[in-house]
Each structure stands twice: as structure tokens, then as C-alpha cells.
Amino acid sequence: MHKFTFILLIIGGLAWLLEAFGYGIVNYLPATLTMIVYILVGLSAIYEIFDHKNYCKHCAKM
């Protein structure tokens, strides 16, 4: 689950970066699919907030 949520967070971050430069990918997707992607990225962020220390060797030391 951690790898899946981490990949979604990377995709979400890259999408925001592209959006900042005017190359929004989600503008070309149907509204329903865009909403699903946003929800999955948001849920992935919440999951990582609570579970990241269990998987990250650098954060576990803190």
C-alpha cells in the first residue's frame, strides 16, 4: 500500500508542477476521472501522514 500511495503522491506533485507552468494534464481528462485522481491523491497524502514513519528508514530515526 505504501508504494502505491507514494507513487500517487509523486503523480500529484508532478501534476501540480505542470499546472503551475500552464501545462495542466487534468484539463484533458473527463471531469469524473479528474475527480477520482484528486480523491486518490488526497487519500494517499492522508495515508502517508500517518504511516510514513513505518516505512521510511530516515524518518524512523526521528
C-alpha atoms as a PDB file:
ATOM      1  CA  MET A   1       0.000   0.000   0.000  1.00  0.00           C
ATOM      2  CA  HIS A   2       2.868   2.369   0.813  1.00  0.00           C
ATOM      3  CA  LYS A   3       4.397   2.120  -2.668  1.00  0.00           C
ATOM      4  CA  PHE A   4       1.021   2.743  -4.310  1.00  0.00           C
ATOM      5  CA  THR A   5       0.285   5.818  -2.220  1.00  0.00           C
ATOM      6  CA  PHE A   6       3.820   7.133  -2.669  1.00  0.00           C
ATOM      7  CA  ILE A   7       3.529   6.816  -6.459  1.00  0.00           C
ATOM      8  CA  LEU A   8       0.195   8.641  -6.370  1.00  0.00           C
ATOM      9  CA  LEU A   9       1.772  11.455  -4.369  1.00  0.00           C
ATOM     10  CA  ILE A  10       4.548  11.764  -6.935  1.00  0.00           C
ATOM     11  CA  ILE A  11       1.996  11.868  -9.750  1.00  0.00           C
ATOM     12  CA  GLY A  12       0.021  14.509  -7.855  1.00  0.00           C
ATOM     13  CA  GLY A  13       3.108  16.600  -7.226  1.00  0.00           C
ATOM     14  CA  LEU A  14       4.168  16.466 -10.863  1.00  0.00           C
ATOM     15  CA  ALA A  15       0.642  17.379 -11.951  1.00  0.00           C
ATOM     16  CA  TRP A  16       0.752  20.473  -9.711  1.00  0.00           C
ATOM     17  CA  LEU A  17       4.165  21.410 -11.076  1.00  0.00           C
ATOM     18  CA  LEU A  18       2.938  21.154 -14.661  1.00  0.00           C
ATOM     19  CA  GLU A  19      -0.180  23.124 -13.722  1.00  0.00           C
ATOM     20  CA  ALA A  20       1.994  25.912 -12.321  1.00  0.00           C
ATOM     21  CA  PHE A  21       3.655  26.274 -15.712  1.00  0.00           C
ATOM     22  CA  GLY A  22       0.375  26.134 -17.636  1.00  0.00           C
ATOM     23  CA  TYR A  23       0.570  22.533 -18.810  1.00  0.00           C
ATOM     24  CA  GLY A  24      -2.286  21.052 -16.816  1.00  0.00           C
ATOM     25  CA  ILE A  25      -2.748  17.430 -17.788  1.00  0.00           C
ATOM     26  CA  VAL A  26      -6.030  17.047 -15.932  1.00  0.00           C
ATOM     27  CA  ASN A  27      -7.638  19.605 -18.228  1.00  0.00           C
ATOM     28  CA  TYR A  28      -7.663  16.930 -20.927  1.00  0.00           C
ATOM     29  CA  LEU A  29      -9.328  14.265 -18.791  1.00  0.00           C
ATOM     30  CA  PRO A  30     -13.055  13.830 -18.234  1.00  0.00           C
ATOM     31  CA  ALA A  31     -14.330  15.583 -15.099  1.00  0.00           C
ATOM     32  CA  THR A  32     -15.210  12.299 -13.362  1.00  0.00           C
ATOM     33  CA  LEU A  33     -11.753  10.846 -13.923  1.00  0.00           C
ATOM     34  CA  THR A  34     -10.131  14.075 -12.750  1.00  0.00           C
ATOM     35  CA  MET A  35     -12.161  13.959  -9.527  1.00  0.00           C
ATOM     36  CA  ILE A  36     -11.156  10.328  -8.950  1.00  0.00           C
ATOM     37  CA  VAL A  37      -7.469  11.207  -9.411  1.00  0.00           C
ATOM     38  CA  TYR A  38      -7.740  14.142  -6.988  1.00  0.00           C
ATOM     39  CA  ILE A  39      -9.507  11.982  -4.388  1.00  0.00           C
ATOM     40  CA  LEU A  40      -6.916   9.196  -4.685  1.00  0.00           C
ATOM     41  CA  VAL A  41      -4.017  11.638  -4.360  1.00  0.00           C
ATOM     42  CA  GLY A  42      -5.651  13.293  -1.332  1.00  0.00           C
ATOM     43  CA  LEU A  43      -6.319   9.965   0.368  1.00  0.00           C
ATOM     44  CA  SER A  44      -2.748   8.906  -0.371  1.00  0.00           C
ATOM     45  CA  ALA A  45      -1.468  12.025   1.362  1.00  0.00           C
ATOM     46  CA  ILE A  46      -3.582  11.291   4.443  1.00  0.00           C
ATOM     47  CA  TYR A  47      -2.343   7.687   4.484  1.00  0.00           C
ATOM     48  CA  GLU A  48       1.286   8.786   4.210  1.00  0.00           C
ATOM     49  CA  ILE A  49       0.896  11.337   7.014  1.00  0.00           C
ATOM     50  CA  PHE A  50       0.022   8.581   9.462  1.00  0.00           C
ATOM     51  CA  ASP A  51       2.026   5.649   8.092  1.00  0.00           C
ATOM     52  CA  HIS A  52       5.190   7.087   6.536  1.00  0.00           C
ATOM     53  CA  LYS A  53       7.436   6.639   9.584  1.00  0.00           C
ATOM     54  CA  ASN A  54       6.821   2.887   9.482  1.00  0.00           C
ATOM     55  CA  TYR A  55       8.412   2.619   6.028  1.00  0.00           C
ATOM     56  CA  CYS A  56      10.976   5.405   5.847  1.00  0.00           C
ATOM     57  CA  LYS A  57      14.314   4.498   7.429  1.00  0.00           C
ATOM     58  CA  HIS A  58      15.246   8.185   7.714  1.00  0.00           C
ATOM     59  CA  CYS A  59      12.006   9.209   9.427  1.00  0.00           C
ATOM     60  CA  ALA A  60      12.018   6.235  11.790  1.00  0.00           C
ATOM     61  CA  LYS A  61      15.153   7.646  13.461  1.00  0.00           C
ATOM     62  CA  MET A  62      13.349  10.850  14.428  1.00  0.00           C
END
